[in-house]
Amino acid sequence: MLSFLQDSDPTWVDKITDMAIAWAPKVVAALLVFLIGRWVAKLITNLVRKVMVKRDLDETLVKFLGSMLYVVLLTLVIISALGQLGVSTTSFVAIVGAATLALGFALQGTLNHFASGVMLIIFRPFKVGDFVETGGGTGVIEEVGIFATKMRTGDNKELIIPNGAITGGTITNYSAKDTRRVDCVFGIGYGDDIKLAKETLEAICKADDRILEDPAVTIAVSELADNSVNFVCRPWVKSADYWGVFFDLHEEVKLQFDAKGISIPYPQRDVHLFQESA
């Protein structure tokens, strides 16, 4: 090896030596910037993740945002390390920015769903297990994801609704409150006893233990319709008892009205025929 160097052109040896001397500090500085910067990026990412976990954010969102933050910080570290080597980072940053902008336009819809998923997880208009009507579907929430929400309908079908469709419309959460009001309308004939019908409805509601005493049940004549006198019956129940009370109340009213001779009229029309002479 020594003989090879002695036989070689001394100018090349000098050039290589000068380059090594000139680049060695830059390479060392770039390595130090990269190693220290990567360690700092991991430290910041872990701290941010811990803060998000303490705020009880969704685990999927914590992992995703943590990974995105680490990638951004690591990109900045790499740009800084290249700057230590004398690489022009201005053009590099411009290329990265242009690529990011193009990617943003290409994934505009996906990013919209992602942003909507972040809003759903942070603001929590509903949670897993809630009965919700939103995004054109009604059912029980099974999973709130980053890009879409899974819902199970009453007949056990799975709905996957993009998060953008949820945040862009109305969200009706039937499970948000502990109690709900059951709204029913019962009609009786014009020849029936109004007081008896009202007393019957009051007795039916009082006999059902699932119906709450406070707020009180509202029972009143709401309309003198074409074919019937309509009563509104509005008891308050716990949200979990809503459908049970709704179905049982209609059945019991029909049985009690029949037993007491109270008619439940149906739409009818009287037709009068007139005969004209020839």
C-alpha atoms as a PDB file:
ATOM      1  CA  MET A   1       0.000   0.000   0.000  1.00  0.00           C
ATOM      2  CA  LEU A   2       2.826   2.370   0.852  1.00  0.00           C
ATOM      3  CA  SER A   3       4.603   1.501  -2.386  1.00  0.00           C
ATOM      4  CA  PHE A   4       1.385   2.233  -4.321  1.00  0.00           C
ATOM      5  CA  LEU A   5       1.111   5.645  -2.728  1.00  0.00           C
ATOM      6  CA  GLN A   6       4.775   6.366  -3.427  1.00  0.00           C
ATOM      7  CA  ASP A   7       4.393   5.361  -7.085  1.00  0.00           C
ATOM      8  CA  SER A   8       1.203   7.416  -7.475  1.00  0.00           C
ATOM      9  CA  ASP A   9       1.069  11.029  -8.523  1.00  0.00           C
ATOM     10  CA  PRO A  10       1.638  13.033  -5.328  1.00  0.00           C
ATOM     11  CA  THR A  11      -0.854  15.647  -6.472  1.00  0.00           C
ATOM     12  CA  TRP A  12      -3.736  13.149  -6.233  1.00  0.00           C
ATOM     13  CA  VAL A  13      -2.676  12.132  -2.761  1.00  0.00           C
ATOM     14  CA  ASP A  14      -2.602  15.758  -1.730  1.00  0.00           C
ATOM     15  CA  LYS A  15      -6.026  16.378  -3.243  1.00  0.00           C
ATOM     16  CA  ILE A  16      -7.548  13.395  -1.456  1.00  0.00           C
ATOM     17  CA  THR A  17      -5.914  14.469   1.783  1.00  0.00           C
ATOM     18  CA  ASP A  18      -7.146  18.043   1.373  1.00  0.00           C
ATOM     19  CA  MET A  19     -10.682  16.830   0.590  1.00  0.00           C
ATOM     20  CA  ALA A  20     -10.672  14.540   3.605  1.00  0.00           C
ATOM     21  CA  ILE A  21      -9.464  17.352   5.830  1.00  0.00           C
ATOM     22  CA  ALA A  22     -12.018  19.755   4.359  1.00  0.00           C
ATOM     23  CA  TRP A  23     -15.008  17.378   4.487  1.00  0.00           C
ATOM     24  CA  ALA A  24     -14.281  15.607   7.750  1.00  0.00           C
ATOM     25  CA  PRO A  25     -15.629  18.392   9.994  1.00  0.00           C
ATOM     26  CA  LYS A  26     -18.724  18.755   7.775  1.00  0.00           C
ATOM     27  CA  VAL A  27     -19.430  15.021   7.826  1.00  0.00           C
ATOM     28  CA  VAL A  28     -18.941  14.852  11.582  1.00  0.00           C
ATOM     29  CA  ALA A  29     -21.188  17.878  12.077  1.00  0.00           C
ATOM     30  CA  ALA A  30     -23.858  16.387   9.810  1.00  0.00           C
ATOM     31  CA  LEU A  31     -23.755  13.077  11.705  1.00  0.00           C
ATOM     32  CA  LEU A  32     -23.990  14.867  15.038  1.00  0.00           C
ATOM     33  CA  VAL A  33     -26.921  16.972  13.819  1.00  0.00           C
ATOM     34  CA  PHE A  34     -28.695  13.868  12.510  1.00  0.00           C
ATOM     35  CA  LEU A  35     -28.103  11.708  15.607  1.00  0.00           C
ATOM     36  CA  ILE A  36     -28.917  14.431  18.139  1.00  0.00           C
ATOM     37  CA  GLY A  37     -31.842  15.675  16.057  1.00  0.00           C
ATOM     38  CA  ARG A  38     -33.312  12.192  15.757  1.00  0.00           C
ATOM     39  CA  TRP A  39     -33.039  11.725  19.518  1.00  0.00           C
ATOM     40  CA  VAL A  40     -34.740  15.077  20.127  1.00  0.00           C
ATOM     41  CA  ALA A  41     -37.474  14.186  17.600  1.00  0.00           C
ATOM     42  CA  LYS A  42     -38.183  10.914  19.420  1.00  0.00           C
ATOM     43  CA  LEU A  43     -38.194  12.736  22.771  1.00  0.00           C
ATOM     44  CA  ILE A  44     -40.671  15.379  21.571  1.00  0.00           C
ATOM     45  CA  THR A  45     -42.885  12.745  19.932  1.00  0.00           C
ATOM     46  CA  ASN A  46     -43.029  10.657  23.110  1.00  0.00           C
ATOM     47  CA  LEU A  47     -43.866  13.713  25.209  1.00  0.00           C
ATOM     48  CA  VAL A  48     -46.679  14.702  22.847  1.00  0.00           C
ATOM     49  CA  ARG A  49     -48.029  11.149  22.884  1.00  0.00           C
ATOM     50  CA  LYS A  50     -48.066  11.115  26.678  1.00  0.00           C
ATOM     51  CA  VAL A  51     -49.963  14.414  26.747  1.00  0.00           C
ATOM     52  CA  MET A  52     -52.551  13.064  24.270  1.00  0.00           C
ATOM     53  CA  VAL A  53     -52.934   9.860  26.296  1.00  0.00           C
ATOM     54  CA  LYS A  54     -53.480  11.895  29.481  1.00  0.00           C
ATOM     55  CA  ARG A  55     -56.199  13.848  27.670  1.00  0.00           C
ATOM     56  CA  ASP A  56     -57.871  10.513  26.970  1.00  0.00           C
ATOM     57  CA  LEU A  57     -57.667  10.790  23.181  1.00  0.00           C
ATOM     58  CA  ASP A  58     -58.376   7.796  20.991  1.00  0.00           C
ATOM     59  CA  GLU A  59     -55.453   5.343  20.764  1.00  0.00           C
ATOM     60  CA  THR A  60     -55.604   5.248  16.963  1.00  0.00           C
ATOM     61  CA  LEU A  61     -55.425   9.030  16.769  1.00  0.00           C
ATOM     62  CA  VAL A  62     -52.520   9.120  19.240  1.00  0.00           C
ATOM     63  CA  LYS A  63     -50.495   6.653  17.157  1.00  0.00           C
ATOM     64  CA  PHE A  64     -51.283   8.388  13.880  1.00  0.00           C
ATOM     65  CA  LEU A  65     -50.526  11.925  15.068  1.00  0.00           C
ATOM     66  CA  GLY A  66     -47.389  10.697  16.842  1.00  0.00           C
ATOM     67  CA  SER A  67     -46.100   9.060  13.654  1.00  0.00           C
ATOM     68  CA  MET A  68     -46.909  12.156  11.580  1.00  0.00           C
ATOM     69  CA  LEU A  69     -45.133  14.413  14.064  1.00  0.00           C
ATOM     70  CA  TYR A  70     -42.046  12.184  14.080  1.00  0.00           C
ATOM     71  CA  VAL A  71     -41.879  12.140  10.262  1.00  0.00           C
ATOM     72  CA  VAL A  72     -42.112  15.946  10.113  1.00  0.00           C
ATOM     73  CA  LEU A  73     -39.437  16.422  12.778  1.00  0.00           C
ATOM     74  CA  LEU A  74     -37.157  13.833  11.186  1.00  0.00           C
ATOM     75  CA  THR A  75     -37.521  15.572   7.805  1.00  0.00           C
ATOM     76  CA  LEU A  76     -36.410  18.842   9.378  1.00  0.00           C
ATOM     77  CA  VAL A  77     -33.439  17.058  10.973  1.00  0.00           C
ATOM     78  CA  ILE A  78     -32.383  15.566   7.625  1.00  0.00           C
ATOM     79  CA  ILE A  79     -32.627  18.988   5.950  1.00  0.00           C
ATOM     80  CA  SER A  80     -30.463  20.478   8.715  1.00  0.00           C
ATOM     81  CA  ALA A  81     -27.907  17.664   8.341  1.00  0.00           C
ATOM     82  CA  LEU A  82     -27.718  18.193   4.582  1.00  0.00           C
ATOM     83  CA  GLY A  83     -27.182  21.886   5.231  1.00  0.00           C
ATOM     84  CA  GLN A  84     -24.085  20.996   7.291  1.00  0.00           C
ATOM     85  CA  LEU A  85     -22.687  19.182   4.256  1.00  0.00           C
ATOM     86  CA  GLY A  86     -23.085  22.282   2.155  1.00  0.00           C
ATOM     87  CA  VAL A  87     -26.108  21.040   0.213  1.00  0.00           C
ATOM     88  CA  SER A  88     -28.464  23.814  -0.867  1.00  0.00           C
ATOM     89  CA  THR A  89     -31.549  23.132   1.228  1.00  0.00           C
ATOM     90  CA  THR A  90     -33.621  25.874  -0.391  1.00  0.00           C
ATOM     91  CA  SER A  91     -34.337  23.866  -3.506  1.00  0.00           C
ATOM     92  CA  PHE A  92     -34.809  20.730  -1.424  1.00  0.00           C
ATOM     93  CA  VAL A  93     -37.411  22.446   0.753  1.00  0.00           C
ATOM     94  CA  ALA A  94     -39.139  23.764  -2.375  1.00  0.00           C
ATOM     95  CA  ILE A  95     -39.317  20.242  -3.838  1.00  0.00           C
ATOM     96  CA  VAL A  96     -40.703  18.830  -0.589  1.00  0.00           C
ATOM     97  CA  GLY A  97     -43.258  21.647  -0.395  1.00  0.00           C
ATOM     98  CA  ALA A  98     -44.369  21.128  -3.994  1.00  0.00           C
ATOM     99  CA  ALA A  99     -44.677  17.378  -3.459  1.00  0.00           C
ATOM    100  CA  THR A 100     -46.686  17.940  -0.276  1.00  0.00           C
ATOM    101  CA  LEU A 101     -48.996  20.376  -2.066  1.00  0.00           C
ATOM    102  CA  ALA A 102     -49.551  17.965  -4.955  1.00  0.00           C
ATOM    103  CA  LEU A 103     -50.216  15.135  -2.530  1.00  0.00           C
ATOM    104  CA  GLY A 104     -52.671  17.324  -0.633  1.00  0.00           C
ATOM    105  CA  PHE A 105     -54.664  18.058  -3.802  1.00  0.00           C
ATOM    106  CA  ALA A 106     -54.638  14.377  -4.777  1.00  0.00           C
ATOM    107  CA  LEU A 107     -55.845  13.287  -1.348  1.00  0.00           C
ATOM    108  CA  GLN A 108     -58.189  16.213  -0.730  1.00  0.00           C
ATOM    109  CA  GLY A 109     -61.217  14.017  -0.005  1.00  0.00           C
ATOM    110  CA  THR A 110     -59.213  11.630   2.166  1.00  0.00           C
ATOM    111  CA  LEU A 111     -57.716  14.506   4.149  1.00  0.00           C
ATOM    112  CA  ASN A 112     -61.216  15.895   4.661  1.00  0.00           C
ATOM    113  CA  HIS A 113     -62.325  12.579   6.171  1.00  0.00           C
ATOM    114  CA  PHE A 114     -59.167  12.503   8.308  1.00  0.00           C
ATOM    115  CA  ALA A 115     -59.761  16.024   9.637  1.00  0.00           C
ATOM    116  CA  SER A 116     -63.379  15.098  10.344  1.00  0.00           C
ATOM    117  CA  GLY A 117     -62.238  11.972  12.202  1.00  0.00           C
ATOM    118  CA  VAL A 118     -59.922  14.072  14.355  1.00  0.00           C
ATOM    119  CA  MET A 119     -62.826  16.407  15.187  1.00  0.00           C
ATOM    120  CA  LEU A 120     -65.097  13.474  16.092  1.00  0.00           C
ATOM    121  CA  ILE A 121     -62.474  11.976  18.383  1.00  0.00           C
ATOM    122  CA  ILE A 122     -61.629  15.295  20.073  1.00  0.00           C
ATOM    123  CA  PHE A 123     -65.140  16.751  20.490  1.00  0.00           C
ATOM    124  CA  ARG A 124     -66.921  13.372  20.894  1.00  0.00           C
ATOM    125  CA  PRO A 125     -70.495  14.085  19.784  1.00  0.00           C
ATOM    126  CA  PHE A 126     -71.024  10.355  20.302  1.00  0.00           C
ATOM    127  CA  LYS A 127     -69.133   7.349  21.615  1.00  0.00           C
ATOM    128  CA  VAL A 128     -69.053   3.627  20.990  1.00  0.00           C
ATOM    129  CA  GLY A 129     -72.385   2.093  22.016  1.00  0.00           C
ATOM    130  CA  ASP A 130     -74.511   5.204  21.391  1.00  0.00           C
ATOM    131  CA  PHE A 131     -77.632   4.987  19.230  1.00  0.00           C
ATOM    132  CA  VAL A 132     -77.134   7.682  16.597  1.00  0.00           C
ATOM    133  CA  GLU A 133     -78.732   8.994  13.430  1.00  0.00           C
ATOM    134  CA  THR A 134     -76.175  10.640  11.137  1.00  0.00           C
ATOM    135  CA  GLY A 135     -74.643  10.519   7.684  1.00  0.00           C
ATOM    136  CA  GLY A 136     -77.754   8.934   6.198  1.00  0.00           C
ATOM    137  CA  GLY A 137     -77.735   5.979   8.620  1.00  0.00           C
ATOM    138  CA  THR A 138     -79.232   5.061  11.976  1.00  0.00           C
ATOM    139  CA  GLY A 139     -77.763   2.533  14.388  1.00  0.00           C
ATOM    140  CA  VAL A 140     -75.365   1.787  17.222  1.00  0.00           C
ATOM    141  CA  ILE A 141     -71.810   3.118  16.928  1.00  0.00           C
ATOM    142  CA  GLU A 142     -69.274   0.279  16.920  1.00  0.00           C
ATOM    143  CA  GLU A 143     -66.049   2.060  15.989  1.00  0.00           C
ATOM    144  CA  VAL A 144     -64.914   5.640  15.408  1.00  0.00           C
ATOM    145  CA  GLY A 145     -61.958   5.482  13.030  1.00  0.00           C
ATOM    146  CA  ILE A 146     -59.655   8.078  11.544  1.00  0.00           C
ATOM    147  CA  PHE A 147     -61.325   8.072   8.130  1.00  0.00           C
ATOM    148  CA  ALA A 148     -64.690   6.356   8.674  1.00  0.00           C
ATOM    149  CA  THR A 149     -67.151   5.350  11.400  1.00  0.00           C
ATOM    150  CA  LYS A 150     -68.691   1.885  11.693  1.00  0.00           C
ATOM    151  CA  MET A 151     -72.340   1.591  12.699  1.00  0.00           C
ATOM    152  CA  ARG A 152     -74.627  -1.429  13.317  1.00  0.00           C
ATOM    153  CA  THR A 153     -78.240  -1.029  12.268  1.00  0.00           C
ATOM    154  CA  GLY A 154     -81.243  -2.461  14.076  1.00  0.00           C
ATOM    155  CA  ASP A 155     -81.443  -5.398  11.635  1.00  0.00           C
ATOM    156  CA  ASN A 156     -77.732  -6.165  12.232  1.00  0.00           C
ATOM    157  CA  LYS A 157     -76.255  -4.626   9.105  1.00  0.00           C
ATOM    158  CA  GLU A 158     -72.898  -2.868   9.211  1.00  0.00           C
ATOM    159  CA  LEU A 159     -72.709   0.679   7.887  1.00  0.00           C
ATOM    160  CA  ILE A 160     -69.360   2.324   7.130  1.00  0.00           C
ATOM    161  CA  ILE A 161     -69.883   6.083   6.888  1.00  0.00           C
ATOM    162  CA  PRO A 162     -67.069   8.464   5.832  1.00  0.00           C
ATOM    163  CA  ASN A 163     -66.363  10.919   8.613  1.00  0.00           C
ATOM    164  CA  GLY A 164     -66.776  13.875   6.272  1.00  0.00           C
ATOM    165  CA  ALA A 165     -70.419  12.926   5.719  1.00  0.00           C
ATOM    166  CA  ILE A 166     -70.953  12.881   9.495  1.00  0.00           C
ATOM    167  CA  THR A 167     -69.431  16.231  10.387  1.00  0.00           C
ATOM    168  CA  GLY A 168     -70.980  17.838   7.315  1.00  0.00           C
ATOM    169  CA  GLY A 169     -74.531  17.029   8.440  1.00  0.00           C
ATOM    170  CA  THR A 170     -76.760  16.763  11.464  1.00  0.00           C
ATOM    171  CA  ILE A 171     -75.904  14.327  14.274  1.00  0.00           C
ATOM    172  CA  THR A 172     -78.818  13.064  16.364  1.00  0.00           C
ATOM    173  CA  ASN A 173     -77.586  11.166  19.421  1.00  0.00           C
ATOM    174  CA  TYR A 174     -80.480   9.323  21.057  1.00  0.00           C
ATOM    175  CA  SER A 175     -78.224   8.033  23.848  1.00  0.00           C
ATOM    176  CA  ALA A 176     -76.743  11.364  24.890  1.00  0.00           C
ATOM    177  CA  LYS A 177     -79.329  11.962  27.637  1.00  0.00           C
ATOM    178  CA  ASP A 178     -80.394   9.638  30.432  1.00  0.00           C
ATOM    179  CA  THR A 179     -84.112  10.143  29.784  1.00  0.00           C
ATOM    180  CA  ARG A 180     -86.326  10.479  26.710  1.00  0.00           C
ATOM    181  CA  ARG A 181     -89.930  11.406  26.050  1.00  0.00           C
ATOM    182  CA  VAL A 182     -92.189   8.914  24.306  1.00  0.00           C
ATOM    183  CA  ASP A 183     -94.520  10.794  21.954  1.00  0.00           C
ATOM    184  CA  CYS A 184     -97.769   8.956  21.126  1.00  0.00           C
ATOM    185  CA  VAL A 185    -101.017  10.037  19.502  1.00  0.00           C
ATOM    186  CA  PHE A 186    -104.274   8.113  20.120  1.00  0.00           C
ATOM    187  CA  GLY A 187    -107.557   8.918  18.427  1.00  0.00           C
ATOM    188  CA  ILE A 188    -111.083   8.190  19.684  1.00  0.00           C
ATOM    189  CA  GLY A 189    -114.457   8.644  18.023  1.00  0.00           C
ATOM    190  CA  TYR A 190    -116.494  11.833  18.377  1.00  0.00           C
ATOM    191  CA  GLY A 191    -119.216   9.857  20.130  1.00  0.00           C
ATOM    192  CA  ASP A 192    -116.883   8.424  22.796  1.00  0.00           C
ATOM    193  CA  ASP A 193    -116.407   9.711  26.331  1.00  0.00           C
ATOM    194  CA  ILE A 194    -113.372  12.042  26.368  1.00  0.00           C
ATOM    195  CA  LYS A 195    -112.985  11.927  30.153  1.00  0.00           C
ATOM    196  CA  LEU A 196    -113.068   8.134  30.199  1.00  0.00           C
ATOM    197  CA  ALA A 197    -110.415   7.977  27.471  1.00  0.00           C
ATOM    198  CA  LYS A 198    -108.179  10.398  29.362  1.00  0.00           C
ATOM    199  CA  GLU A 199    -108.597   8.492  32.648  1.00  0.00           C
ATOM    200  CA  THR A 200    -107.767   5.245  30.844  1.00  0.00           C
ATOM    201  CA  LEU A 201    -104.548   6.689  29.404  1.00  0.00           C
ATOM    202  CA  GLU A 202    -103.562   8.042  32.832  1.00  0.00           C
ATOM    203  CA  ALA A 203    -104.173   4.654  34.458  1.00  0.00           C
ATOM    204  CA  ILE A 204    -102.126   2.842  31.829  1.00  0.00           C
ATOM    205  CA  CYS A 205     -99.159   5.185  32.313  1.00  0.00           C
ATOM    206  CA  LYS A 206     -99.408   5.013  36.103  1.00  0.00           C
ATOM    207  CA  ALA A 207     -99.401   1.200  36.066  1.00  0.00           C
ATOM    208  CA  ASP A 208     -96.135   1.010  34.087  1.00  0.00           C
ATOM    209  CA  ASP A 209     -93.148   1.165  36.475  1.00  0.00           C
ATOM    210  CA  ARG A 210     -90.813   2.161  33.649  1.00  0.00           C
ATOM    211  CA  ILE A 211     -92.595   5.479  33.204  1.00  0.00           C
ATOM    212  CA  LEU A 212     -91.051   8.211  35.366  1.00  0.00           C
ATOM    213  CA  GLU A 213     -93.086  10.335  37.741  1.00  0.00           C
ATOM    214  CA  ASP A 214     -90.877  13.368  37.161  1.00  0.00           C
ATOM    215  CA  PRO A 215     -91.313  14.887  34.634  1.00  0.00           C
ATOM    216  CA  ALA A 216     -95.021  14.200  34.761  1.00  0.00           C
ATOM    217  CA  VAL A 217     -96.886  12.533  31.915  1.00  0.00           C
ATOM    218  CA  THR A 218     -98.645  14.894  29.517  1.00  0.00           C
ATOM    219  CA  ILE A 219    -102.070  13.663  28.378  1.00  0.00           C
ATOM    220  CA  ALA A 220    -104.308  16.150  26.562  1.00  0.00           C
ATOM    221  CA  VAL A 221    -106.605  16.604  23.584  1.00  0.00           C
ATOM    222  CA  SER A 222    -104.384  17.867  20.770  1.00  0.00           C
ATOM    223  CA  GLU A 223    -106.668  17.948  17.742  1.00  0.00           C
ATOM    224  CA  LEU A 224    -110.255  17.706  16.620  1.00  0.00           C
ATOM    225  CA  ALA A 225    -109.443  15.899  13.403  1.00  0.00           C
ATOM    226  CA  ASP A 226    -111.674  14.947  10.478  1.00  0.00           C
ATOM    227  CA  ASN A 227    -112.432  11.474  11.782  1.00  0.00           C
ATOM    228  CA  SER A 228    -111.279  11.440  15.407  1.00  0.00           C
ATOM    229  CA  VAL A 229    -110.551  13.309  18.591  1.00  0.00           C
ATOM    230  CA  ASN A 230    -106.789  12.964  19.037  1.00  0.00           C
ATOM    231  CA  PHE A 231    -104.982  12.683  22.385  1.00  0.00           C
ATOM    232  CA  VAL A 232    -101.270  13.212  22.888  1.00  0.00           C
ATOM    233  CA  CYS A 233     -99.681  10.926  25.458  1.00  0.00           C
ATOM    234  CA  ARG A 234     -96.117  11.891  26.377  1.00  0.00           C
ATOM    235  CA  PRO A 235     -94.533   9.917  29.212  1.00  0.00           C
ATOM    236  CA  TRP A 236     -90.854  10.224  30.174  1.00  0.00           C
ATOM    237  CA  VAL A 237     -88.702   7.094  30.466  1.00  0.00           C
ATOM    238  CA  LYS A 238     -85.066   6.110  30.749  1.00  0.00           C
ATOM    239  CA  SER A 239     -83.391   6.007  27.359  1.00  0.00           C
ATOM    240  CA  ALA A 240     -82.861   2.260  27.584  1.00  0.00           C
ATOM    241  CA  ASP A 241     -86.624   1.694  28.111  1.00  0.00           C
ATOM    242  CA  TYR A 242     -87.797   3.861  25.221  1.00  0.00           C
ATOM    243  CA  TRP A 243     -88.748   1.242  22.638  1.00  0.00           C
ATOM    244  CA  GLY A 244     -90.137  -1.190  25.191  1.00  0.00           C
ATOM    245  CA  VAL A 245     -92.503   1.440  26.574  1.00  0.00           C
ATOM    246  CA  PHE A 246     -93.377   2.679  23.074  1.00  0.00           C
ATOM    247  CA  PHE A 247     -94.498  -0.744  21.846  1.00  0.00           C
ATOM    248  CA  ASP A 248     -96.182  -1.858  25.088  1.00  0.00           C
ATOM    249  CA  LEU A 249     -98.066   1.425  25.434  1.00  0.00           C
ATOM    250  CA  HIS A 250     -99.712   1.076  22.030  1.00  0.00           C
ATOM    251  CA  GLU A 251    -100.704  -2.508  22.713  1.00  0.00           C
ATOM    252  CA  GLU A 252    -102.131  -1.764  26.147  1.00  0.00           C
ATOM    253  CA  VAL A 253    -104.113   1.258  24.888  1.00  0.00           C
ATOM    254  CA  LYS A 254    -105.761  -0.868  22.205  1.00  0.00           C
ATOM    255  CA  LEU A 255    -106.687  -3.570  24.736  1.00  0.00           C
ATOM    256  CA  GLN A 256    -108.027  -1.099  27.311  1.00  0.00           C
ATOM    257  CA  PHE A 257    -110.002   0.931  24.773  1.00  0.00           C
ATOM    258  CA  ASP A 258    -111.606  -2.223  23.417  1.00  0.00           C
ATOM    259  CA  ALA A 259    -112.472  -3.422  26.924  1.00  0.00           C
ATOM    260  CA  LYS A 260    -114.129  -0.089  27.789  1.00  0.00           C
ATOM    261  CA  GLY A 261    -115.918   0.347  24.491  1.00  0.00           C
ATOM    262  CA  ILE A 262    -113.834   3.292  23.343  1.00  0.00           C
ATOM    263  CA  SER A 263    -113.564   3.243  19.575  1.00  0.00           C
ATOM    264  CA  ILE A 264    -110.416   3.955  17.598  1.00  0.00           C
ATOM    265  CA  PRO A 265    -111.771   5.334  14.321  1.00  0.00           C
ATOM    266  CA  TYR A 266    -110.150   4.945  10.949  1.00  0.00           C
ATOM    267  CA  PRO A 267    -110.349   7.377   8.032  1.00  0.00           C
ATOM    268  CA  GLN A 268    -113.725   7.171   6.295  1.00  0.00           C
ATOM    269  CA  ARG A 269    -115.653   9.181   3.763  1.00  0.00           C
ATOM    270  CA  ASP A 270    -119.418   9.590   3.314  1.00  0.00           C
ATOM    271  CA  VAL A 271    -120.560   9.456  -0.291  1.00  0.00           C
ATOM    272  CA  HIS A 272    -123.932  10.992  -1.205  1.00  0.00           C
ATOM    273  CA  LEU A 273    -125.597  10.013  -4.500  1.00  0.00           C
ATOM    274  CA  PHE A 274    -128.013  12.342  -6.238  1.00  0.00           C
ATOM    275  CA  GLN A 275    -130.278  11.051  -8.980  1.00  0.00           C
ATOM    276  CA  GLU A 276    -131.289  13.498 -11.691  1.00  0.00           C
ATOM    277  CA  SER A 277    -134.448  13.128 -13.723  1.00  0.00           C
ATOM    278  CA  ALA A 278    -134.134  12.396 -17.438  1.00  0.00           C
END
